[in-house]
C-alpha atoms as a PDB file:
ATOM      1  CA  MET A   1      97.177  76.278 125.774  1.00  0.00           C
ATOM      2  CA  VAL A   2      94.824  75.860 123.026  1.00  0.00           C
ATOM      3  CA  ARG A   3      91.338  75.143 124.005  1.00  0.00           C
ATOM      4  CA  ARG A   4      88.836  72.930 121.642  1.00  0.00           C
ATOM      5  CA  GLY A   5      85.410  72.754 121.522  1.00  0.00           C
ATOM      6  CA  SER A   6      83.017  70.932 118.895  1.00  0.00           C
ATOM      7  CA  VAL A   7      79.665  71.555 117.986  1.00  0.00           C
ATOM      8  CA  ASN A   8      77.471  69.027 115.723  1.00  0.00           C
ATOM      9  CA  VAL A   9      76.102  70.277 112.873  1.00  0.00           C
ATOM     10  CA  ARG A  10      73.156  68.706 111.019  1.00  0.00           C
ATOM     11  CA  LEU A  11      74.037  69.335 107.031  1.00  0.00           C
ATOM     12  CA  ALA A  12      71.228  69.662 104.090  1.00  0.00           C
ATOM     13  CA  GLU A  13      72.130  66.574 103.298  1.00  0.00           C
ATOM     14  CA  SER A  14      70.522  64.988 106.627  1.00  0.00           C
ATOM     15  CA  ARG A  15      74.389  63.826 107.823  1.00  0.00           C
ATOM     16  CA  TRP A  16      76.218  65.312 110.176  1.00  0.00           C
ATOM     17  CA  ARG A  17      79.259  66.906 110.728  1.00  0.00           C
ATOM     18  CA  VAL A  18      81.378  68.159 113.472  1.00  0.00           C
ATOM     19  CA  LEU A  19      82.830  71.465 113.398  1.00  0.00           C
ATOM     20  CA  ARG A  20      85.830  72.159 115.680  1.00  0.00           C
ATOM     21  CA  PHE A  21      86.401  75.256 117.268  1.00  0.00           C
ATOM     22  CA  TYR A  22      89.808  76.960 118.292  1.00  0.00           C
ATOM     23  CA  SER A  23      90.442  79.527 121.084  1.00  0.00           C
ATOM     24  CA  MET A  24      93.000  81.709 119.683  1.00  0.00           C
ATOM     25  CA  SER A  25      94.679  84.426 121.904  1.00  0.00           C
ATOM     26  CA  THR A  26      97.330  86.084 119.602  1.00  0.00           C
ATOM     27  CA  ILE A  27      97.210  87.739 116.201  1.00  0.00           C
ATOM     28  CA  THR A  28      99.541  85.635 114.356  1.00  0.00           C
ATOM     29  CA  GLU A  29      96.737  82.534 115.493  1.00  0.00           C
ATOM     30  CA  ILE A  30      94.111  84.697 114.084  1.00  0.00           C
ATOM     31  CA  GLU A  31      95.964  85.673 110.855  1.00  0.00           C
ATOM     32  CA  ALA A  32      96.666  82.126 110.094  1.00  0.00           C
ATOM     33  CA  ALA A  33      92.422  81.063 110.556  1.00  0.00           C
ATOM     34  CA  ILE A  34      92.108  84.072 107.865  1.00  0.00           C
ATOM     35  CA  GLU A  35      94.396  82.354 105.650  1.00  0.00           C
ATOM     36  CA  HIS A  36      92.209  79.250 105.102  1.00  0.00           C
ATOM     37  CA  LEU A  37      88.908  81.442 105.311  1.00  0.00           C
ATOM     38  CA  PRO A  38      86.913  81.113 101.603  1.00  0.00           C
ATOM     39  CA  GLU A  39      87.182  84.572  99.790  1.00  0.00           C
ATOM     40  CA  PRO A  40      83.246  85.573 101.040  1.00  0.00           C
ATOM     41  CA  GLN A  41      84.271  85.067 104.406  1.00  0.00           C
ATOM     42  CA  VAL A  42      87.470  87.272 104.257  1.00  0.00           C
ATOM     43  CA  ALA A  43      85.048  89.835 102.711  1.00  0.00           C
ATOM     44  CA  GLU A  44      82.413  89.480 105.786  1.00  0.00           C
ATOM     45  CA  LEU A  45      85.267  89.712 108.447  1.00  0.00           C
ATOM     46  CA  ALA A  46      86.610  92.646 106.443  1.00  0.00           C
ATOM     47  CA  ALA A  47      83.057  94.034 106.651  1.00  0.00           C
ATOM     48  CA  TRP A  48      82.901  93.405 110.655  1.00  0.00           C
ATOM     49  CA  LEU A  49      86.230  94.813 111.100  1.00  0.00           C
ATOM     50  CA  GLU A  50      85.377  98.189 109.841  1.00  0.00           C
ATOM     51  CA  ASN A  51      82.126  98.494 111.338  1.00  0.00           C
ATOM     52  CA  ARG A  52      83.732  97.712 114.855  1.00  0.00           C
ATOM     53  CA  ARG A  53      86.345  99.719 114.195  1.00  0.00           C
ATOM     54  CA  ALA A  54      83.854 102.695 113.207  1.00  0.00           C
ATOM     55  CA  TRP A  55      81.621 101.504 116.708  1.00  0.00           C
ATOM     56  CA  ARG A  56      84.954 102.036 118.754  1.00  0.00           C
ATOM     57  CA  ALA A  57      85.508 105.584 117.114  1.00  0.00           C
ATOM     58  CA  THR A  58      82.259 106.386 118.508  1.00  0.00           C
ATOM     59  CA  PRO A  59      82.145 108.232 121.996  1.00  0.00           C
ATOM     60  CA  PRO A  60      79.983 107.221 124.574  1.00  0.00           C
ATOM     61  CA  PRO A  61      76.398 108.892 124.101  1.00  0.00           C
ATOM     62  CA  VAL A  62      77.842 110.942 127.706  1.00  0.00           C
ATOM     63  CA  GLU A  63      80.801 111.885 126.191  1.00  0.00           C
ATOM     64  CA  SER A  64      78.666 113.639 122.867  1.00  0.00           C
ATOM     65  CA  TRP A  65      76.373 115.260 125.606  1.00  0.00           C
ATOM     66  CA  LEU A  66      79.422 116.936 126.692  1.00  0.00           C
ATOM     67  CA  VAL A  67      80.680 117.684 123.516  1.00  0.00           C
ATOM     68  CA  TYR A  68      77.201 119.487 123.151  1.00  0.00           C
ATOM     69  CA  ALA A  69      76.269 120.911 126.666  1.00  0.00           C
ATOM     70  CA  ARG A  70      80.344 122.447 126.095  1.00  0.00           C
ATOM     71  CA  GLY A  71      79.489 124.421 122.853  1.00  0.00           C
ATOM     72  CA  ALA A  72      76.011 126.115 124.360  1.00  0.00           C
ATOM     73  CA  ALA A  73      78.125 127.946 126.651  1.00  0.00           C
ATOM     74  CA  ARG A  74      78.340 131.602 125.310  1.00  0.00           C
ATOM     75  CA  PRO A  75      81.618 133.550 126.097  1.00  0.00           C
ATOM     76  CA  GLY A  76      81.693 136.286 127.849  1.00  0.00           C
ATOM     77  CA  VAL A  77      78.347 135.381 129.911  1.00  0.00           C
ATOM     78  CA  THR A  78      78.543 134.722 133.901  1.00  0.00           C
ATOM     79  CA  THR A  79      76.935 132.419 135.639  1.00  0.00           C
ATOM     80  CA  GLU A  80      75.612 135.249 137.218  1.00  0.00           C
ATOM     81  CA  GLN A  81      73.674 136.472 134.038  1.00  0.00           C
ATOM     82  CA  VAL A  82      72.892 132.824 133.086  1.00  0.00           C
ATOM     83  CA  MET A  83      71.097 132.711 136.825  1.00  0.00           C
ATOM     84  CA  SER A  84      68.995 135.894 136.056  1.00  0.00           C
ATOM     85  CA  SER A  85      67.705 134.659 132.800  1.00  0.00           C
ATOM     86  CA  THR A  86      66.346 131.504 133.827  1.00  0.00           C
ATOM     87  CA  ARG A  87      64.690 133.617 136.776  1.00  0.00           C
ATOM     88  CA  GLY A  88      63.231 136.035 134.536  1.00  0.00           C
ATOM     89  CA  GLU A  89      65.365 138.931 136.240  1.00  0.00           C
ATOM     90  CA  GLU A  90      66.310 140.544 133.199  1.00  0.00           C
END
């Protein structure tokens, strides 16, 4: 099932034009729609996809902090030694 919607857009020449938007749910539908885009919009879409891929590859802030925190531990140092150090018992 394809959902259809439309939006009235007022153009610079004071005429109205109806733009239709179609919901796409498969890669085949998306590929077919891309084939009809003008080159500037294809370039814009490619840039958006690259930004989206980079964003998705970035770990969430908590994950980044955990990586940092794991690296902060010193090999061979026990929890008791750390606790003593923080209490000023050294």
